[in-house]
Amino acid sequence: MSNTNDTINDTINEKVIIITGASSGLGESTARRLADRGAKLVLAARREDRLKSLADELTAKGADVLWQVTDVTDRKQVESLAAAAKKKFGRIDVLINNAGLMPLAPLDALKVDEWEQMIDVNIKGVLYGIAAVLPTMREQHSGHVINLSSVAGHKVFAGGAVYCATKYAVKALSEGLRMEAGDEIRSTNISPGAIATELTSTITDPDAAQAAEELYKVAIDADAVARAIVYAIEQPQDVDINEIILRPTAQEM
C-alpha cells in the first residue's frame, strides 16, 4: 500500500509541464526538480545554447524533454510552443509562466523602452501563455497555470514603480483566472523575494543597481522557489494553492 508521500508524488509523475524562462534561475531549478519527479517537460527560453544544454542534461538522466526557443513577447511563438507540447505529449497539464525582467529605475529616469520591455515580457508574456494553453485545458477538463509574480506585486518600492505594476498585474491575472476557471483548472500565484538569479542583471540605472545589490546580499537559492512550485503542483486536483509568498528570512521588504 502506498504511503501519503507516494500518492503525492504520483500527482506529478507523467504530467506535461511547460516552463518559460527555463534556461536559468527559477525555471532551470524547477525543471530539475520536476524531472526528478517524473514530469514530461516542455522547456522554453530565448537562449538556445543554455536551453539545449539543460534539455540534454535532463534527457541523459531519463527525463522526457521537449525544448523550443521561444520569445514570450511573440504571441505566435508562444502558440507554437503550446502546439508542439500538445503534438508530442497529447495534453498540457501545467503552464509555469516564469519568464520575467526587472530593469529597476526611478520614473524620472524616463527609461520608457525598459517600461515597454517589462510590460511586454511580464504582462503580455503571461497573457500569451494563458491564451495558448487555456483551450487545451478546457478541452481536457483539467489544468494548472502557475504565474511568477513577486513580493513587488504586494508592496510598491521607490525605483520599482513599473516593475511593481507589472507584478501587481500578474497577481490580478492569477486571481482573475482562479475566479473564472471553475473547479477544473487551478491557478497559483508565486511571489518570491530576493532570489539568487540573473534577474538583477538587467538593471541599467546605477543607483537602482546598487540598491538591488544591497538587497540581494541576503538572496536565497532558486531551488527554494522550485520547491514551492512543486508543492503547488503535487496537491490533489481538488486542492488549489492560490498564493505563495516566500522571502529570505533576513529580508524585511
Protein backbone atom coordinates (compact mmCIF):
# COMPACT_ATOMS: atom_id res chain seq x y z
CA MET A 1 0.00 0.00 0.00
CA SER A 2 1.38 3.44 -0.97
CA ASN A 3 2.07 5.94 1.77
CA THR A 4 0.93 9.55 1.61
CA ASN A 5 4.16 10.78 0.05
CA ASP A 6 3.96 8.19 -2.72
CA THR A 7 0.40 9.31 -3.51
CA ILE A 8 1.52 12.95 -3.72
CA ASN A 9 4.50 12.02 -5.92
CA ASP A 10 2.17 10.27 -8.35
CA THR A 11 0.31 13.54 -8.96
CA ILE A 12 3.42 14.92 -10.70
CA ASN A 13 4.69 11.78 -12.45
CA GLU A 14 3.87 11.87 -16.19
CA LYS A 15 2.35 15.37 -16.06
CA VAL A 16 3.12 17.52 -19.10
CA ILE A 17 4.58 20.79 -17.82
CA ILE A 18 5.59 23.84 -19.85
CA ILE A 19 8.19 26.15 -18.30
CA THR A 20 9.04 29.54 -19.81
CA GLY A 21 12.31 31.21 -18.93
CA ALA A 22 13.73 27.73 -18.43
CA SER A 23 17.33 28.41 -19.39
CA SER A 24 18.42 29.75 -15.99
CA GLY A 25 17.38 30.69 -12.46
CA LEU A 26 13.94 29.67 -11.25
CA GLY A 27 13.00 27.97 -14.50
CA GLU A 28 16.13 25.85 -14.61
CA SER A 29 15.85 24.84 -10.94
CA THR A 30 12.18 23.99 -11.35
CA ALA A 31 12.89 21.90 -14.43
CA ARG A 32 15.42 19.84 -12.49
CA ARG A 33 13.03 19.32 -9.58
CA LEU A 34 10.15 18.28 -11.84
CA ALA A 35 12.34 15.98 -13.93
CA ASP A 36 13.28 14.14 -10.75
CA ARG A 37 9.55 13.67 -10.07
CA GLY A 38 8.87 12.11 -13.47
CA ALA A 39 7.23 15.04 -15.24
CA LYS A 40 7.29 15.37 -19.03
CA LEU A 41 8.90 18.75 -19.61
CA VAL A 42 8.48 21.37 -22.32
CA LEU A 43 11.26 23.91 -21.85
CA ALA A 44 11.18 27.37 -23.42
CA ALA A 45 13.59 30.31 -23.39
CA ARG A 46 15.38 32.62 -25.81
CA ARG A 47 18.93 31.30 -25.29
CA GLU A 48 19.22 28.20 -27.43
CA ASP A 49 22.59 27.06 -26.11
CA ARG A 50 21.51 27.14 -22.46
CA LEU A 51 18.16 25.56 -23.26
CA LYS A 52 19.66 22.70 -25.26
CA SER A 53 22.30 22.06 -22.61
CA LEU A 54 19.67 21.74 -19.88
CA ALA A 55 17.45 19.54 -22.04
CA ASP A 56 20.38 17.25 -22.90
CA GLU A 57 21.34 17.00 -19.24
CA LEU A 58 17.84 16.06 -18.11
CA THR A 59 17.31 13.66 -21.02
CA ALA A 60 20.54 11.86 -20.13
CA LYS A 61 19.08 11.29 -16.67
CA GLY A 62 15.97 9.70 -18.16
CA ALA A 63 13.58 12.64 -18.37
CA ASP A 64 11.22 13.10 -21.32
CA VAL A 65 12.02 16.62 -22.55
CA LEU A 66 10.94 18.81 -25.44
CA TRP A 67 12.62 22.19 -25.85
CA GLN A 68 11.85 25.09 -28.12
CA VAL A 69 13.42 28.53 -28.43
CA THR A 70 10.63 30.94 -27.51
CA ASP A 71 10.32 34.68 -27.03
CA VAL A 72 7.25 35.13 -24.81
CA THR A 73 6.66 38.61 -26.24
CA ASP A 74 5.82 36.98 -29.58
CA ARG A 75 2.30 35.57 -29.41
CA LYS A 76 2.82 33.23 -32.37
CA GLN A 77 5.94 31.74 -30.81
CA VAL A 78 4.07 31.02 -27.58
CA GLU A 79 1.20 29.46 -29.53
CA SER A 80 3.74 27.34 -31.41
CA LEU A 81 5.24 26.20 -28.11
CA ALA A 82 1.85 25.05 -26.78
CA ALA A 83 1.05 23.34 -30.09
CA ALA A 84 4.38 21.47 -30.01
CA ALA A 85 3.73 20.34 -26.44
CA LYS A 86 0.30 19.01 -27.34
CA LYS A 87 1.54 17.34 -30.52
CA LYS A 88 4.32 15.47 -28.70
CA PHE A 89 2.58 14.60 -25.45
CA GLY A 90 -1.14 14.80 -26.31
CA ARG A 91 -2.02 17.17 -23.47
CA ILE A 92 -0.86 20.13 -21.36
CA ASP A 93 -1.22 19.73 -17.61
CA VAL A 94 0.70 22.70 -16.22
CA LEU A 95 1.99 26.02 -17.53
CA ILE A 96 4.65 27.78 -15.46
CA ASN A 97 4.76 31.42 -16.61
CA ASN A 98 8.25 32.15 -15.32
CA ALA A 99 9.91 34.45 -17.87
CA GLY A 100 10.38 37.95 -16.47
CA LEU A 101 12.55 41.08 -16.39
CA MET A 102 13.40 43.58 -13.64
CA PRO A 103 15.23 46.67 -15.00
CA LEU A 104 14.58 48.89 -11.99
CA ALA A 105 14.85 52.68 -12.23
CA PRO A 106 13.05 55.74 -10.87
CA LEU A 107 10.30 57.14 -13.07
CA ASP A 108 12.30 60.38 -13.54
CA ALA A 109 14.94 58.38 -15.40
CA LEU A 110 12.37 58.06 -18.20
CA LYS A 111 13.56 54.63 -19.30
CA VAL A 112 10.46 54.22 -21.45
CA ASP A 113 11.98 51.46 -23.59
CA GLU A 114 12.57 49.43 -20.43
CA TRP A 115 8.99 50.11 -19.28
CA GLU A 116 7.71 48.72 -22.56
CA GLN A 117 10.02 45.73 -22.34
CA MET A 118 8.76 44.88 -18.84
CA ILE A 119 5.14 45.22 -19.93
CA ASP A 120 5.79 43.01 -22.96
CA VAL A 121 7.55 40.24 -21.01
CA ASN A 122 6.00 40.41 -17.55
CA ILE A 123 2.36 41.04 -18.54
CA LYS A 124 1.85 40.22 -22.21
CA GLY A 125 4.08 37.17 -21.95
CA VAL A 126 1.91 35.81 -19.13
CA LEU A 127 -1.28 36.55 -21.08
CA TYR A 128 0.07 34.90 -24.23
CA GLY A 129 0.92 31.81 -22.21
CA ILE A 130 -2.56 31.62 -20.70
CA ALA A 131 -4.18 32.14 -24.11
CA ALA A 132 -2.03 29.39 -25.65
CA VAL A 133 -2.91 26.68 -23.11
CA LEU A 134 -6.40 27.55 -21.90
CA PRO A 135 -8.34 25.97 -24.83
CA THR A 136 -6.48 22.68 -24.36
CA MET A 137 -7.05 22.71 -20.60
CA ARG A 138 -10.75 23.40 -21.14
CA GLU A 139 -10.92 20.58 -23.66
CA GLN A 140 -9.29 18.06 -21.32
CA HIS A 141 -11.24 19.38 -18.28
CA SER A 142 -8.08 19.87 -16.22
CA GLY A 143 -5.04 22.07 -15.98
CA HIS A 144 -2.93 24.30 -13.79
CA VAL A 145 -1.46 27.74 -14.52
CA ILE A 146 1.35 28.93 -12.24
CA ASN A 147 2.38 32.57 -12.60
CA LEU A 148 5.57 34.02 -11.15
CA SER A 149 4.80 37.37 -9.57
CA SER A 150 6.97 38.89 -6.80
CA VAL A 151 6.81 40.45 -3.38
CA ALA A 152 6.86 43.58 -5.56
CA GLY A 153 3.36 42.56 -6.58
CA HIS A 154 2.28 43.14 -2.98
CA LYS A 155 4.30 46.20 -1.96
CA VAL A 156 5.49 49.09 -4.11
CA PHE A 157 9.00 50.46 -3.55
CA ALA A 158 10.78 53.56 -4.84
CA GLY A 159 12.64 52.87 -8.06
CA GLY A 160 10.41 49.93 -8.87
CA ALA A 161 7.09 51.54 -9.83
CA VAL A 162 6.80 49.99 -13.28
CA TYR A 163 8.19 46.62 -12.23
CA CYS A 164 5.78 46.57 -9.28
CA ALA A 165 2.91 47.49 -11.60
CA THR A 166 3.68 44.51 -13.84
CA LYS A 167 3.83 42.14 -10.88
CA TYR A 168 0.59 43.52 -9.41
CA ALA A 169 -0.90 42.77 -12.83
CA VAL A 170 0.35 39.17 -12.69
CA LYS A 171 -1.26 38.77 -9.28
CA ALA A 172 -4.54 40.17 -10.66
CA LEU A 173 -4.43 37.85 -13.66
CA SER A 174 -3.80 34.85 -11.41
CA GLU A 175 -6.78 35.71 -9.22
CA GLY A 176 -9.00 36.50 -12.19
CA LEU A 177 -8.18 33.15 -13.77
CA ARG A 178 -8.94 31.39 -10.49
CA MET A 179 -12.36 33.03 -10.31
CA GLU A 180 -13.21 32.23 -13.93
CA ALA A 181 -11.69 28.76 -14.17
CA GLY A 182 -14.25 26.82 -12.15
CA ASP A 183 -13.27 23.58 -10.47
CA GLU A 184 -11.31 22.10 -13.38
CA ILE A 185 -8.38 24.49 -13.81
CA ARG A 186 -6.16 25.56 -10.93
CA SER A 187 -4.40 28.92 -10.65
CA THR A 188 -1.36 29.66 -8.47
CA ASN A 189 0.47 32.94 -7.92
CA ILE A 190 4.05 32.59 -6.63
CA SER A 191 5.62 35.75 -5.18
CA PRO A 192 9.33 35.38 -4.39
CA GLY A 193 11.51 37.91 -2.63
CA ALA A 194 15.27 38.14 -3.17
CA ILE A 195 16.33 35.01 -5.04
CA ALA A 196 19.79 34.38 -6.46
CA THR A 197 19.11 34.52 -10.21
CA GLU A 198 20.09 36.66 -13.20
CA LEU A 199 17.08 38.97 -12.62
CA THR A 200 19.18 41.89 -11.36
CA SER A 201 21.48 41.76 -14.41
CA THR A 202 19.00 43.81 -16.48
CA ILE A 203 19.22 46.88 -14.20
CA THR A 204 20.91 49.74 -16.07
CA ASP A 205 20.28 52.58 -13.59
CA PRO A 206 23.37 52.87 -11.31
CA ASP A 207 21.51 53.84 -8.13
CA ALA A 208 18.86 51.14 -8.61
CA ALA A 209 21.58 48.59 -9.33
CA GLN A 210 23.39 49.49 -6.11
CA ALA A 211 20.17 49.25 -4.06
CA ALA A 212 19.38 45.86 -5.60
CA GLU A 213 22.91 44.64 -4.91
CA GLU A 214 22.47 45.56 -1.26
CA LEU A 215 19.07 43.84 -1.01
CA TYR A 216 20.27 40.73 -2.80
CA LYS A 217 23.08 40.14 -0.33
CA VAL A 218 20.53 38.05 1.58
CA ALA A 219 19.24 36.24 -1.54
CA ILE A 220 18.37 32.57 -1.22
CA ASP A 221 18.84 29.82 -3.80
CA ALA A 222 16.41 29.48 -6.71
CA ASP A 223 15.65 25.94 -5.58
CA ALA A 224 13.58 27.43 -2.73
CA VAL A 225 11.08 28.67 -5.31
CA ALA A 226 11.29 25.41 -7.26
CA ARG A 227 10.22 23.54 -4.12
CA ALA A 228 7.26 25.89 -3.69
CA ILE A 229 6.19 25.28 -7.29
CA VAL A 230 6.45 21.52 -6.82
CA TYR A 231 4.34 21.82 -3.66
CA ALA A 232 1.59 23.62 -5.57
CA ILE A 233 1.58 21.10 -8.42
CA GLU A 234 1.67 17.99 -6.27
CA GLN A 235 -1.59 18.74 -4.45
CA PRO A 236 -4.65 16.64 -5.33
CA GLN A 237 -6.90 18.00 -8.06
CA ASP A 238 -9.44 19.34 -5.56
CA VAL A 239 -6.79 21.47 -3.79
CA ASP A 240 -5.74 24.77 -5.36
CA ILE A 241 -2.79 26.58 -3.77
CA ASN A 242 -3.70 30.12 -4.83
CA GLU A 243 -0.87 32.20 -3.35
CA ILE A 244 2.63 31.59 -2.06
CA ILE A 245 4.84 34.43 -0.82
CA LEU A 246 8.39 33.45 0.11
CA ARG A 247 11.36 35.57 1.14
CA PRO A 248 14.75 35.08 2.71
CA THR A 249 14.23 35.18 6.47
CA ALA A 250 16.62 38.16 6.54
CA GLN A 251 14.62 40.20 4.01
CA GLU A 252 12.49 42.94 5.55
CA MET A 253 10.70 44.37 2.48
